[in-house]
C-alpha atoms as a PDB file:
ATOM      1  CA  MET A   1      -8.249  43.593   3.901  1.00  0.00           C
ATOM      2  CA  ASN A   2      -4.431  45.092   5.920  1.00  0.00           C
ATOM      3  CA  SER A   3      -1.643  43.127   5.672  1.00  0.00           C
ATOM      4  CA  ALA A   4      -1.553  42.200   9.595  1.00  0.00           C
ATOM      5  CA  SER A   5      -4.516  40.159   8.529  1.00  0.00           C
ATOM      6  CA  ILE A   6      -3.260  38.655   5.340  1.00  0.00           C
ATOM      7  CA  THR A   7       0.080  37.839   7.402  1.00  0.00           C
ATOM      8  CA  SER A   8      -2.437  35.760  10.415  1.00  0.00           C
ATOM      9  CA  ARG A   9      -4.069  33.685   7.672  1.00  0.00           C
ATOM     10  CA  VAL A  10      -0.972  32.770   5.947  1.00  0.00           C
ATOM     11  CA  GLY A  11       0.392  31.573   9.215  1.00  0.00           C
ATOM     12  CA  SER A  12      -2.913  29.756  10.215  1.00  0.00           C
ATOM     13  CA  ALA A  13      -2.980  28.486   6.608  1.00  0.00           C
ATOM     14  CA  MET A  14       0.651  27.065   7.292  1.00  0.00           C
ATOM     15  CA  LYS A  15       0.327  26.323  10.628  1.00  0.00           C
ATOM     16  CA  MET A  16      -2.365  23.482   9.875  1.00  0.00           C
ATOM     17  CA  PRO A  17      -0.828  21.087   7.545  1.00  0.00           C
ATOM     18  CA  ILE A  18       2.283  21.246   9.924  1.00  0.00           C
ATOM     19  CA  TYR A  19      -0.459  20.340  12.572  1.00  0.00           C
ATOM     20  CA  TYR A  20      -2.258  17.406  10.763  1.00  0.00           C
ATOM     21  CA  LEU A  21       1.023  15.213  10.193  1.00  0.00           C
ATOM     22  CA  GLN A  22       2.636  16.187  14.433  1.00  0.00           C
ATOM     23  CA  ASP A  23      -1.305  14.381  14.962  1.00  0.00           C
ATOM     24  CA  TYR A  24      -0.557  12.038  12.398  1.00  0.00           C
ATOM     25  CA  ALA A  25       2.508  11.122  13.691  1.00  0.00           C
ATOM     26  CA  LEU A  26       1.937  11.044  17.290  1.00  0.00           C
ATOM     27  CA  LEU A  27      -1.606   8.720  16.537  1.00  0.00           C
ATOM     28  CA  ALA A  28       0.840   6.253  14.076  1.00  0.00           C
ATOM     29  CA  ALA A  29       3.349   5.868  16.971  1.00  0.00           C
ATOM     30  CA  HIS A  30       0.938   5.535  19.728  1.00  0.00           C
ATOM     31  CA  SER A  31      -0.076   2.285  17.403  1.00  0.00           C
ATOM     32  CA  VAL A  32       2.808   1.266  17.139  1.00  0.00           C
ATOM     33  CA  ARG A  33       3.780   1.180  20.918  1.00  0.00           C
ATOM     34  CA  ALA A  34       0.991  -0.688  21.488  1.00  0.00           C
ATOM     35  CA  ILE A  35       2.671  -3.841  19.416  1.00  0.00           C
ATOM     36  CA  PHE A  36       4.762  -4.444  22.751  1.00  0.00           C
ATOM     37  CA  THR A  37       2.200  -4.431  25.338  1.00  0.00           C
ATOM     38  CA  THR A  38       1.255  -6.798  27.165  1.00  0.00           C
ATOM     39  CA  THR A  39      -2.067  -6.474  26.109  1.00  0.00           C
ATOM     40  CA  ARG A  40      -3.126  -8.027  22.727  1.00  0.00           C
ATOM     41  CA  TYR A  41      -5.799  -8.312  20.353  1.00  0.00           C
ATOM     42  CA  ALA A  42      -5.197 -11.558  18.430  1.00  0.00           C
ATOM     43  CA  PRO A  43      -8.840 -12.267  17.040  1.00  0.00           C
ATOM     44  CA  ASP A  44      -8.802  -8.983  15.678  1.00  0.00           C
ATOM     45  CA  LEU A  45      -6.045  -9.259  14.234  1.00  0.00           C
ATOM     46  CA  LEU A  46      -6.394 -12.281  12.844  1.00  0.00           C
ATOM     47  CA  GLU A  47     -10.298 -10.610  11.626  1.00  0.00           C
ATOM     48  CA  GLN A  48      -8.217  -7.963   9.947  1.00  0.00           C
ATOM     49  CA  MET A  49      -5.526  -9.815   8.247  1.00  0.00           C
ATOM     50  CA  ASP A  50      -8.642 -12.049   6.494  1.00  0.00           C
ATOM     51  CA  GLN A  51     -10.198  -9.111   5.588  1.00  0.00           C
ATOM     52  CA  ILE A  52      -7.328  -7.435   3.838  1.00  0.00           C
ATOM     53  CA  GLY A  53      -5.603 -10.455   2.604  1.00  0.00           C
ATOM     54  CA  VAL A  54      -8.051 -12.980   1.698  1.00  0.00           C
ATOM     55  CA  GLY A  55     -10.808 -10.169   0.665  1.00  0.00           C
ATOM     56  CA  SER A  56      -7.836  -8.616  -2.184  1.00  0.00           C
ATOM     57  CA  VAL A  57      -6.414 -11.720  -3.382  1.00  0.00           C
ATOM     58  CA  PRO A  58      -8.903 -12.221  -6.823  1.00  0.00           C
ATOM     59  CA  ILE A  59      -8.879  -8.088  -7.118  1.00  0.00           C
ATOM     60  CA  ILE A  60      -4.778  -8.355  -7.171  1.00  0.00           C
ATOM     61  CA  ILE A  61      -4.747 -11.810  -9.287  1.00  0.00           C
ATOM     62  CA  VAL A  62      -6.578  -9.924 -11.962  1.00  0.00           C
ATOM     63  CA  ALA A  63      -5.274  -6.739 -11.806  1.00  0.00           C
ATOM     64  CA  LEU A  64      -1.650  -7.623 -11.632  1.00  0.00           C
ATOM     65  CA  ALA A  65      -1.878 -10.127 -14.453  1.00  0.00           C
ATOM     66  CA  CYS A  66      -3.288  -8.081 -16.631  1.00  0.00           C
ATOM     67  CA  VAL A  67      -0.277  -5.774 -16.007  1.00  0.00           C
ATOM     68  CA  GLY A  68       1.796  -8.354 -16.776  1.00  0.00           C
ATOM     69  CA  GLY A  69       0.667  -8.714 -19.961  1.00  0.00           C
ATOM     70  CA  VAL A  70       0.502  -4.848 -20.904  1.00  0.00           C
ATOM     71  CA  ILE A  71       4.309  -5.227 -20.013  1.00  0.00           C
ATOM     72  CA  VAL A  72       5.104  -7.067 -22.423  1.00  0.00           C
ATOM     73  CA  LEU A  73       2.716  -6.115 -25.186  1.00  0.00           C
ATOM     74  CA  ASN A  74       5.004  -2.569 -24.607  1.00  0.00           C
ATOM     75  CA  ALA A  75       8.499  -4.294 -23.965  1.00  0.00           C
ATOM     76  CA  ALA A  76       8.180  -6.802 -27.117  1.00  0.00           C
ATOM     77  CA  SER A  77       6.988  -3.920 -29.254  1.00  0.00           C
ATOM     78  CA  GLN A  78      10.947  -2.517 -28.697  1.00  0.00           C
ATOM     79  CA  PHE A  79      12.778  -5.517 -28.400  1.00  0.00           C
ATOM     80  CA  VAL A  80      10.580  -7.203 -31.662  1.00  0.00           C
ATOM     81  CA  ARG A  81      12.846  -4.027 -33.708  1.00  0.00           C
ATOM     82  CA  PHE A  82      16.074  -5.079 -32.566  1.00  0.00           C
ATOM     83  CA  GLY A  83      15.552  -9.146 -32.778  1.00  0.00           C
ATOM     84  CA  GLU A  84      16.178  -9.089 -28.676  1.00  0.00           C
ATOM     85  CA  THR A  85      12.599 -10.862 -28.018  1.00  0.00           C
ATOM     86  CA  VAL A  86      14.163 -13.248 -25.362  1.00  0.00           C
ATOM     87  CA  LEU A  87      15.226 -10.305 -23.236  1.00  0.00           C
ATOM     88  CA  THR A  88      11.204  -9.849 -22.171  1.00  0.00           C
ATOM     89  CA  GLY A  89      11.029 -12.243 -19.447  1.00  0.00           C
ATOM     90  CA  ASP A  90      14.131  -9.928 -17.776  1.00  0.00           C
ATOM     91  CA  ALA A  91      12.045  -7.035 -18.388  1.00  0.00           C
ATOM     92  CA  LEU A  92       9.051  -8.279 -16.854  1.00  0.00           C
ATOM     93  CA  SER A  93      10.224  -9.824 -14.230  1.00  0.00           C
ATOM     94  CA  LEU A  94      12.431  -6.586 -12.896  1.00  0.00           C
ATOM     95  CA  SER A  95       9.774  -4.319 -13.196  1.00  0.00           C
ATOM     96  CA  LEU A  96       7.501  -6.317 -11.712  1.00  0.00           C
ATOM     97  CA  LEU A  97       9.635  -7.626  -8.440  1.00  0.00           C
ATOM     98  CA  ARG A  98      11.370  -3.944  -7.855  1.00  0.00           C
ATOM     99  CA  GLU A  99       8.415  -1.248  -8.785  1.00  0.00           C
ATOM    100  CA  LEU A 100       5.320  -2.198 -10.131  1.00  0.00           C
ATOM    101  CA  GLY A 101       4.209  -5.436  -8.257  1.00  0.00           C
ATOM    102  CA  PRO A 102       4.575  -3.480  -4.665  1.00  0.00           C
ATOM    103  CA  VAL A 103       2.923  -0.278  -5.619  1.00  0.00           C
ATOM    104  CA  PHE A 104       0.398  -1.537  -7.723  1.00  0.00           C
ATOM    105  CA  THR A 105      -0.827  -4.013  -5.063  1.00  0.00           C
ATOM    106  CA  ALA A 106      -0.539  -1.183  -2.819  1.00  0.00           C
ATOM    107  CA  LEU A 107      -2.944   1.044  -4.424  1.00  0.00           C
ATOM    108  CA  LEU A 108      -5.568  -1.729  -4.738  1.00  0.00           C
ATOM    109  CA  VAL A 109      -5.498  -2.567  -0.823  1.00  0.00           C
ATOM    110  CA  ALA A 110      -5.126   1.357  -0.143  1.00  0.00           C
ATOM    111  CA  GLY A 111      -8.515   1.659  -2.500  1.00  0.00           C
ATOM    112  CA  ARG A 112     -10.048  -1.368  -0.898  1.00  0.00           C
ATOM    113  CA  ASN A 113      -9.184  -1.342   2.815  1.00  0.00           C
ATOM    114  CA  SER A 114      -7.901   2.296   3.935  1.00  0.00           C
ATOM    115  CA  THR A 115     -11.290   3.340   2.840  1.00  0.00           C
ATOM    116  CA  GLY A 116     -12.669   0.382   4.637  1.00  0.00           C
ATOM    117  CA  MET A 117     -10.617   1.112   7.647  1.00  0.00           C
ATOM    118  CA  ALA A 118     -11.769   5.012   7.359  1.00  0.00           C
ATOM    119  CA  SER A 119     -15.544   4.571   6.650  1.00  0.00           C
ATOM    120  CA  GLN A 120     -15.315   1.643  10.282  1.00  0.00           C
ATOM    121  CA  LEU A 121     -13.583   3.744  12.310  1.00  0.00           C
ATOM    122  CA  GLY A 122     -15.201   7.043  11.667  1.00  0.00           C
ATOM    123  CA  SER A 123     -19.285   5.362  11.813  1.00  0.00           C
ATOM    124  CA  MET A 124     -17.561   3.792  15.013  1.00  0.00           C
ATOM    125  CA  LEU A 125     -16.812   7.330  16.444  1.00  0.00           C
ATOM    126  CA  VAL A 126     -20.030   8.907  14.697  1.00  0.00           C
ATOM    127  CA  THR A 127     -22.530   6.598  17.259  1.00  0.00           C
ATOM    128  CA  GLU A 128     -19.827   6.811  20.526  1.00  0.00           C
ATOM    129  CA  GLN A 129     -18.863   3.230  20.156  1.00  0.00           C
ATOM    130  CA  VAL A 130     -15.638   4.578  20.611  1.00  0.00           C
ATOM    131  CA  ASP A 131     -16.359   6.584  23.480  1.00  0.00           C
ATOM    132  CA  ALA A 132     -17.904   2.969  24.976  1.00  0.00           C
ATOM    133  CA  ILE A 133     -14.717   1.147  24.436  1.00  0.00           C
ATOM    134  CA  ARG A 134     -13.237   4.182  26.349  1.00  0.00           C
ATOM    135  CA  GLY A 135     -15.494   4.178  28.874  1.00  0.00           C
ATOM    136  CA  LEU A 136     -14.857   0.302  29.588  1.00  0.00           C
ATOM    137  CA  GLY A 137     -10.979   1.267  30.324  1.00  0.00           C
ATOM    138  CA  ILE A 138      -9.674  -0.105  27.130  1.00  0.00           C
ATOM    139  CA  ASP A 139      -7.566   1.814  25.076  1.00  0.00           C
ATOM    140  CA  PRO A 140      -9.303   2.633  21.656  1.00  0.00           C
ATOM    141  CA  ILE A 141      -5.661   2.516  19.739  1.00  0.00           C
ATOM    142  CA  ARG A 142      -5.018  -0.394  20.940  1.00  0.00           C
ATOM    143  CA  LYS A 143      -8.042  -1.948  19.967  1.00  0.00           C
ATOM    144  CA  LEU A 144      -9.064  -0.852  16.373  1.00  0.00           C
ATOM    145  CA  MET A 145      -5.678   0.947  15.260  1.00  0.00           C
ATOM    146  CA  THR A 146      -3.014  -1.728  16.483  1.00  0.00           C
ATOM    147  CA  PRO A 147      -4.883  -5.140  15.127  1.00  0.00           C
ATOM    148  CA  ARG A 148      -5.307  -3.436  11.574  1.00  0.00           C
ATOM    149  CA  VAL A 149      -1.993  -1.535  11.048  1.00  0.00           C
ATOM    150  CA  LEU A 150      -0.269  -4.894  12.308  1.00  0.00           C
ATOM    151  CA  ALA A 151      -2.299  -6.788  10.057  1.00  0.00           C
ATOM    152  CA  ALA A 152      -1.362  -4.412   6.787  1.00  0.00           C
ATOM    153  CA  VAL A 153       2.365  -4.591   7.478  1.00  0.00           C
ATOM    154  CA  LEU A 154       2.612  -8.774   7.850  1.00  0.00           C
ATOM    155  CA  ILE A 155       0.321  -9.298   4.666  1.00  0.00           C
ATOM    156  CA  LEU A 156       0.882  -6.743   1.932  1.00  0.00           C
ATOM    157  CA  PRO A 157       4.864  -8.657   1.225  1.00  0.00           C
ATOM    158  CA  LEU A 158       1.998 -11.987   0.881  1.00  0.00           C
ATOM    159  CA  LEU A 159      -0.312  -9.873  -1.234  1.00  0.00           C
ATOM    160  CA  VAL A 160       2.456  -8.549  -3.154  1.00  0.00           C
ATOM    161  CA  ALA A 161       4.402 -12.359  -3.570  1.00  0.00           C
ATOM    162  CA  ILE A 162       0.826 -12.837  -4.990  1.00  0.00           C
ATOM    163  CA  GLY A 163       0.317 -10.553  -7.639  1.00  0.00           C
ATOM    164  CA  ASP A 164       4.296 -10.776  -8.868  1.00  0.00           C
ATOM    165  CA  CYS A 165       3.186 -14.605  -9.642  1.00  0.00           C
ATOM    166  CA  ALA A 166       0.095 -13.289 -11.314  1.00  0.00           C
ATOM    167  CA  GLY A 167       1.693 -10.522 -12.936  1.00  0.00           C
ATOM    168  CA  LEU A 168       4.664 -13.048 -14.767  1.00  0.00           C
ATOM    169  CA  PHE A 169       2.163 -15.442 -15.431  1.00  0.00           C
ATOM    170  CA  GLY A 170       0.202 -12.997 -17.336  1.00  0.00           C
ATOM    171  CA  GLY A 171       3.065 -11.823 -18.986  1.00  0.00           C
ATOM    172  CA  PHE A 172       4.170 -15.497 -19.897  1.00  0.00           C
ATOM    173  CA  LEU A 173       0.715 -16.352 -21.085  1.00  0.00           C
ATOM    174  CA  VAL A 174       0.538 -12.991 -23.780  1.00  0.00           C
ATOM    175  CA  ALA A 175       4.474 -13.617 -24.717  1.00  0.00           C
ATOM    176  CA  THR A 176       3.825 -17.192 -25.743  1.00  0.00           C
ATOM    177  CA  VAL A 177       0.707 -15.992 -27.900  1.00  0.00           C
ATOM    178  CA  THR A 178       2.114 -12.704 -29.321  1.00  0.00           C
ATOM    179  CA  LEU A 179       5.812 -13.684 -29.404  1.00  0.00           C
ATOM    180  CA  HIS A 180       5.936 -17.564 -29.685  1.00  0.00           C
ATOM    181  CA  ILE A 181       8.531 -17.524 -26.585  1.00  0.00           C
ATOM    182  CA  ASP A 182       9.603 -20.895 -25.518  1.00  0.00           C
ATOM    183  CA  ALA A 183       8.353 -21.958 -21.755  1.00  0.00           C
ATOM    184  CA  GLN A 184      11.536 -22.722 -20.662  1.00  0.00           C
ATOM    185  CA  GLU A 185      13.345 -20.119 -22.109  1.00  0.00           C
ATOM    186  CA  PHE A 186      10.960 -17.437 -20.621  1.00  0.00           C
ATOM    187  CA  TRP A 187      10.892 -18.628 -16.981  1.00  0.00           C
ATOM    188  CA  THR A 188      15.053 -19.552 -17.064  1.00  0.00           C
ATOM    189  CA  ARG A 189      15.183 -15.763 -18.112  1.00  0.00           C
ATOM    190  CA  ALA A 190      12.910 -13.821 -15.804  1.00  0.00           C
ATOM    191  CA  VAL A 191      14.318 -15.926 -12.580  1.00  0.00           C
ATOM    192  CA  LYS A 192      18.016 -15.864 -13.814  1.00  0.00           C
ATOM    193  CA  ALA A 193      17.611 -11.813 -14.333  1.00  0.00           C
ATOM    194  CA  LEU A 194      16.786 -11.276 -10.560  1.00  0.00           C
ATOM    195  CA  VAL A 195      19.355 -10.759  -7.668  1.00  0.00           C
ATOM    196  CA  LEU A 196      19.109 -10.764  -4.180  1.00  0.00           C
ATOM    197  CA  GLY A 197      19.171  -6.855  -4.061  1.00  0.00           C
ATOM    198  CA  ASP A 198      15.948  -6.882  -6.218  1.00  0.00           C
ATOM    199  CA  LEU A 199      14.055  -9.012  -3.851  1.00  0.00           C
ATOM    200  CA  VAL A 200      14.781  -6.783  -0.744  1.00  0.00           C
ATOM    201  CA  ILE A 201      13.725  -3.916  -2.818  1.00  0.00           C
ATOM    202  CA  GLY A 202      10.058  -5.736  -3.784  1.00  0.00           C
ATOM    203  CA  PHE A 203       9.416  -7.048  -0.424  1.00  0.00           C
ATOM    204  CA  SER A 204      10.509  -4.011   1.543  1.00  0.00           C
ATOM    205  CA  LYS A 205       9.077  -1.844   0.324  1.00  0.00           C
ATOM    206  CA  PRO A 206       5.263  -3.726   1.187  1.00  0.00           C
ATOM    207  CA  ILE A 207       6.472  -3.506   4.514  1.00  0.00           C
ATOM    208  CA  VAL A 208       6.666   0.641   4.370  1.00  0.00           C
ATOM    209  CA  PHE A 209       3.249   0.763   2.241  1.00  0.00           C
ATOM    210  CA  GLY A 210       0.974  -1.150   4.666  1.00  0.00           C
ATOM    211  CA  PHE A 211       1.861   0.880   7.391  1.00  0.00           C
ATOM    212  CA  ILE A 212       1.452   3.881   5.473  1.00  0.00           C
ATOM    213  CA  LEU A 213      -2.138   2.771   4.097  1.00  0.00           C
ATOM    214  CA  ALA A 214      -3.178   1.478   7.331  1.00  0.00           C
ATOM    215  CA  THR A 215      -2.258   4.352   9.356  1.00  0.00           C
ATOM    216  CA  VAL A 216      -3.667   6.792   7.402  1.00  0.00           C
ATOM    217  CA  GLY A 217      -7.184   5.048   7.093  1.00  0.00           C
ATOM    218  CA  CYS A 218      -7.248   4.941  10.940  1.00  0.00           C
ATOM    219  CA  TYR A 219      -6.388   8.162  11.377  1.00  0.00           C
ATOM    220  CA  GLN A 220      -8.952   9.581   9.007  1.00  0.00           C
ATOM    221  CA  GLY A 221     -11.567   7.558  10.519  1.00  0.00           C
ATOM    222  CA  LEU A 222     -10.363   8.635  14.110  1.00  0.00           C
ATOM    223  CA  ARG A 223     -10.735  12.014  13.536  1.00  0.00           C
ATOM    224  CA  VAL A 224     -13.934  12.631  11.902  1.00  0.00           C
ATOM    225  CA  GLU A 225     -15.787  15.764  12.403  1.00  0.00           C
ATOM    226  CA  GLY A 226     -19.332  16.485  11.252  1.00  0.00           C
ATOM    227  CA  GLY A 227     -21.147  13.420  11.728  1.00  0.00           C
ATOM    228  CA  THR A 228     -21.794  11.027   8.461  1.00  0.00           C
ATOM    229  CA  ALA A 229     -21.098  13.569   6.067  1.00  0.00           C
ATOM    230  CA  GLY A 230     -17.532  13.723   7.716  1.00  0.00           C
ATOM    231  CA  VAL A 231     -17.570   9.715   7.251  1.00  0.00           C
ATOM    232  CA  GLY A 232     -17.640  10.308   3.933  1.00  0.00           C
ATOM    233  CA  ARG A 233     -15.261  13.048   3.291  1.00  0.00           C
ATOM    234  CA  ALA A 234     -12.878  10.478   5.749  1.00  0.00           C
ATOM    235  CA  THR A 235     -13.287   7.920   3.093  1.00  0.00           C
ATOM    236  CA  ILE A 236     -12.345   9.655   0.447  1.00  0.00           C
ATOM    237  CA  MET A 237      -9.081  11.265   2.381  1.00  0.00           C
ATOM    238  CA  ALA A 238      -8.015   8.031   3.004  1.00  0.00           C
ATOM    239  CA  PHE A 239      -7.434   6.837  -0.544  1.00  0.00           C
ATOM    240  CA  VAL A 240      -6.322  10.125  -1.882  1.00  0.00           C
ATOM    241  CA  VAL A 241      -3.758  10.535   1.096  1.00  0.00           C
ATOM    242  CA  SER A 242      -2.509   7.255   1.431  1.00  0.00           C
ATOM    243  CA  SER A 243      -2.005   6.859  -2.457  1.00  0.00           C
ATOM    244  CA  LEU A 244       0.261  10.168  -2.662  1.00  0.00           C
ATOM    245  CA  ALA A 245       1.833   9.119   0.362  1.00  0.00           C
ATOM    246  CA  ILE A 246       2.468   5.694  -1.377  1.00  0.00           C
ATOM    247  CA  LEU A 247       3.923   7.346  -4.240  1.00  0.00           C
ATOM    248  CA  VAL A 248       6.448   9.590  -2.518  1.00  0.00           C
ATOM    249  CA  ALA A 249       7.615   6.992  -0.035  1.00  0.00           C
ATOM    250  CA  ASP A 250       8.038   4.848  -3.469  1.00  0.00           C
ATOM    251  CA  LEU A 251      10.420   7.377  -4.797  1.00  0.00           C
ATOM    252  CA  LEU A 252      12.608   7.897  -2.309  1.00  0.00           C
ATOM    253  CA  LEU A 253      12.821   4.014  -1.277  1.00  0.00           C
ATOM    254  CA  THR A 254      13.647   3.308  -4.687  1.00  0.00           C
ATOM    255  CA  ARG A 255      16.638   5.702  -4.453  1.00  0.00           C
ATOM    256  CA  LEU A 256      17.310   4.729  -1.077  1.00  0.00           C
ATOM    257  CA  LEU A 257      17.446   1.240  -1.803  1.00  0.00           C
ATOM    258  CA  LEU A 258      19.242   1.351  -5.272  1.00  0.00           C
ATOM    259  CA  TYR A 259      21.844   2.955  -4.109  1.00  0.00           C
ATOM    260  CA  THR A 260      21.779   0.384  -0.928  1.00  0.00           C
ATOM    261  CA  PHE A 261      22.530  -2.661  -3.470  1.00  0.00           C
ATOM    262  CA  ASN A 262      23.951  -0.658  -6.367  1.00  0.00           C
ATOM    263  CA  LEU A 263      21.876  -1.522  -8.641  1.00  0.00           C
END
């Protein structure tokens, strides 16, 4: 194999990620632009909000309640050594509101709904339903993708709020049983530990995370190749890519928001 062939292959390997990123950015921009057009599909939006929101509530409540309990157990083991168990409420509220609530909720919704979007849209593409929608003069991005993106952006902050409440309640139960902390003292410290910046951080991240998981899921579904086997690959890639993108975005957003609010 000569050097020219190796260079060509390396160049092609470097071009593909850039092409996929460009294609994704154009598709996401198209879906956002469609929000501001005169033609809107309110029934589709409400249906997606129901699927993403109501369907995810039980999972998020159970998962975040367990996360809150785990935080208390780990924090308590350190606070007991220094006789500062009263700080348990502070640690729980700050860690949940700033970081763990938004990230865990986004990852759970990505596993449930981002994969579902990729599977649904991929199946519609394979069975030529997307072509039929386009043949009727309807923009498939506006009809299929925009309601899903808008629904995820609107509903994820509400899911994070529910998850935070479940996590605080789960942590409170564990703190009451294991540390015998007074309820009034726990909730007073948990609330007083928060400032406006913490709330902004906790509820601005889900907007970005919702956009990421919805656009990635829809992109993977609308770019399916290879028939039904491609639908399965798109479903897996939707979860993998959206999860990694959420974690990378969380790192960048955390640094930016902590600097902005001087926390």
